[in-house]
Every structure is written in C-alpha cells, then in structure tokens.
C-alpha atoms as a PDB file:
ATOM      1  CA  THR A   1      66.816  21.256 -52.681  1.00  0.00           C
ATOM      2  CA  LEU A   2      66.916  18.252 -50.370  1.00  0.00           C
ATOM      3  CA  ALA A   3      67.198  14.632 -51.468  1.00  0.00           C
ATOM      4  CA  ILE A   4      64.983  12.919 -48.916  1.00  0.00           C
ATOM      5  CA  CYS A   5      65.684   9.276 -48.101  1.00  0.00           C
ATOM      6  CA  ALA A   6      65.653   7.009 -45.054  1.00  0.00           C
ATOM      7  CA  CYS A   7      69.442   7.152 -44.775  1.00  0.00           C
ATOM      8  CA  THR A   8      69.578  10.966 -44.520  1.00  0.00           C
ATOM      9  CA  PRO A   9      66.406  12.546 -43.092  1.00  0.00           C
ATOM     10  CA  ALA A  10      65.441  16.103 -43.984  1.00  0.00           C
ATOM     11  CA  VAL A  11      66.168  17.285 -40.435  1.00  0.00           C
ATOM     12  CA  GLU A  12      69.804  16.133 -40.626  1.00  0.00           C
ATOM     13  CA  GLN A  13      70.268  17.736 -44.036  1.00  0.00           C
ATOM     14  CA  LEU A  14      68.776  21.032 -42.852  1.00  0.00           C
ATOM     15  CA  LEU A  15      70.924  21.132 -39.713  1.00  0.00           C
ATOM     16  CA  ALA A  16      74.030  20.381 -41.768  1.00  0.00           C
ATOM     17  CA  ARG A  17      73.174  23.423 -43.902  1.00  0.00           C
ATOM     18  CA  GLY A  18      72.632  25.700 -40.892  1.00  0.00           C
ATOM     19  CA  TYR A  19      68.838  25.560 -40.713  1.00  0.00           C
ATOM     20  CA  PHE A  20      66.518  24.424 -37.931  1.00  0.00           C
ATOM     21  CA  PRO A  21      63.269  22.705 -38.996  1.00  0.00           C
ATOM     22  CA  CYS A  22      59.820  23.638 -37.749  1.00  0.00           C
ATOM     23  CA  ALA A  23      59.006  19.941 -37.241  1.00  0.00           C
ATOM     24  CA  PRO A  24      61.120  16.840 -36.536  1.00  0.00           C
ATOM     25  CA  VAL A  25      59.481  14.820 -39.320  1.00  0.00           C
ATOM     26  CA  ARG A  26      58.585  16.220 -42.777  1.00  0.00           C
ATOM     27  CA  PRO A  27      59.297  19.880 -41.939  1.00  0.00           C
ATOM     28  CA  SER A  28      57.560  22.367 -44.216  1.00  0.00           C
ATOM     29  CA  LEU A  29      59.775  25.299 -43.238  1.00  0.00           C
ATOM     30  CA  ALA A  30      63.199  25.822 -41.692  1.00  0.00           C
ATOM     31  CA  PHE A  31      64.872  28.834 -40.090  1.00  0.00           C
ATOM     32  CA  ASN A  32      68.495  29.893 -40.160  1.00  0.00           C
ATOM     33  CA  LEU A  33      70.233  28.900 -36.917  1.00  0.00           C
ATOM     34  CA  LYS A  34      71.840  32.342 -36.649  1.00  0.00           C
ATOM     35  CA  LEU A  35      68.422  33.983 -36.859  1.00  0.00           C
ATOM     36  CA  LEU A  36      67.068  31.756 -34.084  1.00  0.00           C
ATOM     37  CA  GLU A  37      70.113  32.558 -31.968  1.00  0.00           C
ATOM     38  CA  PHE A  38      69.539  36.284 -32.548  1.00  0.00           C
ATOM     39  CA  ILE A  39      65.850  36.003 -31.613  1.00  0.00           C
ATOM     40  CA  SER A  40      66.729  34.046 -28.447  1.00  0.00           C
ATOM     41  CA  ILE A  41      69.315  36.666 -27.396  1.00  0.00           C
ATOM     42  CA  HIS A  42      66.848  39.456 -28.177  1.00  0.00           C
ATOM     43  CA  SER A  43      64.251  37.699 -26.021  1.00  0.00           C
ATOM     44  CA  LEU A  44      66.602  37.918 -23.030  1.00  0.00           C
ATOM     45  CA  ASN A  45      66.300  41.713 -23.199  1.00  0.00           C
ATOM     46  CA  VAL A  46      62.618  42.158 -24.082  1.00  0.00           C
ATOM     47  CA  ALA A  47      59.452  40.134 -23.685  1.00  0.00           C
ATOM     48  CA  PRO A  48      59.490  37.174 -26.111  1.00  0.00           C
ATOM     49  CA  ASN A  49      57.032  37.816 -28.923  1.00  0.00           C
ATOM     50  CA  ALA A  50      56.931  35.242 -31.720  1.00  0.00           C
ATOM     51  CA  THR A  51      53.934  37.019 -33.259  1.00  0.00           C
ATOM     52  CA  ALA A  52      55.872  40.261 -33.764  1.00  0.00           C
ATOM     53  CA  TRP A  53      58.931  38.423 -35.085  1.00  0.00           C
ATOM     54  CA  ALA A  54      56.801  36.423 -37.529  1.00  0.00           C
ATOM     55  CA  ALA A  55      55.001  39.521 -38.831  1.00  0.00           C
ATOM     56  CA  SER A  56      58.281  41.439 -39.176  1.00  0.00           C
ATOM     57  CA  LEU A  57      60.030  38.592 -40.988  1.00  0.00           C
ATOM     58  CA  GLN A  58      57.113  38.053 -43.363  1.00  0.00           C
ATOM     59  CA  GLN A  59      56.980  41.752 -44.230  1.00  0.00           C
ATOM     60  CA  TYR A  60      60.761  41.962 -44.630  1.00  0.00           C
ATOM     61  CA  TRP A  61      60.887  38.922 -46.917  1.00  0.00           C
ATOM     62  CA  ALA A  62      57.749  39.940 -48.850  1.00  0.00           C
ATOM     63  CA  ARG A  63      59.366  43.281 -49.742  1.00  0.00           C
ATOM     64  CA  ARG A  64      62.208  41.295 -51.267  1.00  0.00           C
ATOM     65  CA  GLY A  65      59.902  38.832 -52.997  1.00  0.00           C
ATOM     66  CA  LEU A  66      61.347  35.904 -51.066  1.00  0.00           C
ATOM     67  CA  VAL A  67      58.426  34.395 -49.146  1.00  0.00           C
ATOM     68  CA  ALA A  68      54.776  33.815 -49.853  1.00  0.00           C
ATOM     69  CA  GLU A  69      52.200  34.846 -47.263  1.00  0.00           C
ATOM     70  CA  TYR A  70      51.840  32.036 -44.726  1.00  0.00           C
ATOM     71  CA  GLY A  71      49.557  33.869 -42.317  1.00  0.00           C
ATOM     72  CA  ASP A  72      49.238  32.474 -38.807  1.00  0.00           C
ATOM     73  CA  THR A  73      50.888  29.158 -39.720  1.00  0.00           C
ATOM     74  CA  PHE A  74      54.192  31.012 -40.164  1.00  0.00           C
ATOM     75  CA  ARG A  75      53.993  32.312 -36.600  1.00  0.00           C
ATOM     76  CA  LYS A  76      53.230  28.836 -35.293  1.00  0.00           C
ATOM     77  CA  ARG A  77      56.116  27.309 -37.237  1.00  0.00           C
ATOM     78  CA  LEU A  78      58.519  30.005 -36.033  1.00  0.00           C
ATOM     79  CA  ALA A  79      57.367  29.607 -32.418  1.00  0.00           C
ATOM     80  CA  THR A  80      57.746  25.819 -32.594  1.00  0.00           C
ATOM     81  CA  ALA A  81      61.202  26.008 -34.182  1.00  0.00           C
ATOM     82  CA  LEU A  82      62.325  28.633 -31.666  1.00  0.00           C
ATOM     83  CA  HIS A  83      60.992  26.595 -28.736  1.00  0.00           C
ATOM     84  CA  TRP A  84      62.851  23.419 -29.739  1.00  0.00           C
ATOM     85  CA  TYR A  85      65.982  25.360 -30.688  1.00  0.00           C
ATOM     86  CA  LEU A  86      66.031  26.804 -27.153  1.00  0.00           C
ATOM     87  CA  VAL A  87      65.371  23.396 -25.591  1.00  0.00           C
ATOM     88  CA  LEU A  88      68.270  21.822 -27.494  1.00  0.00           C
ATOM     89  CA  ASP A  89      70.535  24.818 -26.854  1.00  0.00           C
ATOM     90  CA  ASN A  90      69.828  24.599 -23.109  1.00  0.00           C
ATOM     91  CA  CYS A  91      70.410  20.825 -23.113  1.00  0.00           C
ATOM     92  CA  ALA A  92      73.735  21.318 -24.889  1.00  0.00           C
ATOM     93  CA  GLU A  93      74.779  23.977 -22.373  1.00  0.00           C
ATOM     94  CA  VAL A  94      73.883  21.725 -19.436  1.00  0.00           C
ATOM     95  CA  SER A  95      75.754  18.809 -20.989  1.00  0.00           C
ATOM     96  CA  VAL A  96      78.888  20.889 -21.547  1.00  0.00           C
ATOM     97  CA  SER A  97      78.715  22.271 -17.995  1.00  0.00           C
ATOM     98  CA  GLN A  98      78.320  18.792 -16.521  1.00  0.00           C
ATOM     99  CA  ASN A  99      81.235  17.443 -18.557  1.00  0.00           C
ATOM    100  CA  LEU A 100      83.432  20.352 -17.499  1.00  0.00           C
ATOM    101  CA  HIS A 101      82.471  19.783 -13.865  1.00  0.00           C
ATOM    102  CA  ARG A 102      83.242  16.032 -14.102  1.00  0.00           C
ATOM    103  CA  THR A 103      86.581  16.803 -15.723  1.00  0.00           C
ATOM    104  CA  TRP A 104      87.413  19.349 -13.022  1.00  0.00           C
ATOM    105  CA  VAL A 105      86.433  16.947 -10.225  1.00  0.00           C
ATOM    106  CA  SER A 106      88.438  14.158 -11.856  1.00  0.00           C
ATOM    107  CA  TYR A 107      91.442  16.453 -12.230  1.00  0.00           C
ATOM    108  CA  ARG A 108      91.219  17.611  -8.610  1.00  0.00           C
ATOM    109  CA  THR A 109      90.839  14.027  -7.361  1.00  0.00           C
ATOM    110  CA  ALA A 110      93.860  12.860  -9.382  1.00  0.00           C
ATOM    111  CA  ASP A 111      95.860  15.855  -8.126  1.00  0.00           C
ATOM    112  CA  SER A 112      95.205  14.999  -4.458  1.00  0.00           C
END
C-alpha cells in the first residue's frame, strides 16, 4: 500500500521498495528491479522478447493466484518499464564511467 501525496510521489515510494513503475506518473503496475535486471541480462544472450516474458510471467503468477489477467496491456507495461529501466541503467553507467575518468585524469594531472 502506498500513501500518495505531493511530497512523496508513487514513483519514489516504489523505487525505495525495489520496484520500477510502468509509468512516471500514476503507475498502474510496477516490476521488481531484480526481475528487470534479470530480463536485461537475459536479453544480452537471446533476442529481446517482451511478449514472451509477459506471457510467461502472467502464466507463472496466475498458477499461484497472484495476478489477474491483464492481456496485452501487461506486455505493454512490462516493455515500457523495461525500456526506461535500461535507459536509466545505461545513463547511470555512463555517469559513473565519466566520473571515474575525470577522477583518473585529475589524479594523473596532480601527480605530474
């Protein structure tokens, strides 16, 4: 349960709990960050297929009585969440690499 207010948006609350929303404003579904990481790593080794992942997840959860049938909207929400997770993950990696490079250059310059 999330307590939605202007001071703490749903997206921030979800991320703090380890979930990535399917939309930046008023998300209707969120996915575990570890699951999105697993799907992104899996996609490095096989062709990315959000449709297959969505169908598999829905069947897996349905057998456990955890999720109602969302149909094609589930696939769209998963694909959107995965896309933006990858965008942010790539941006974070670039930022860290750039900061490490600046630090290294600064260290080498100071050492000279």
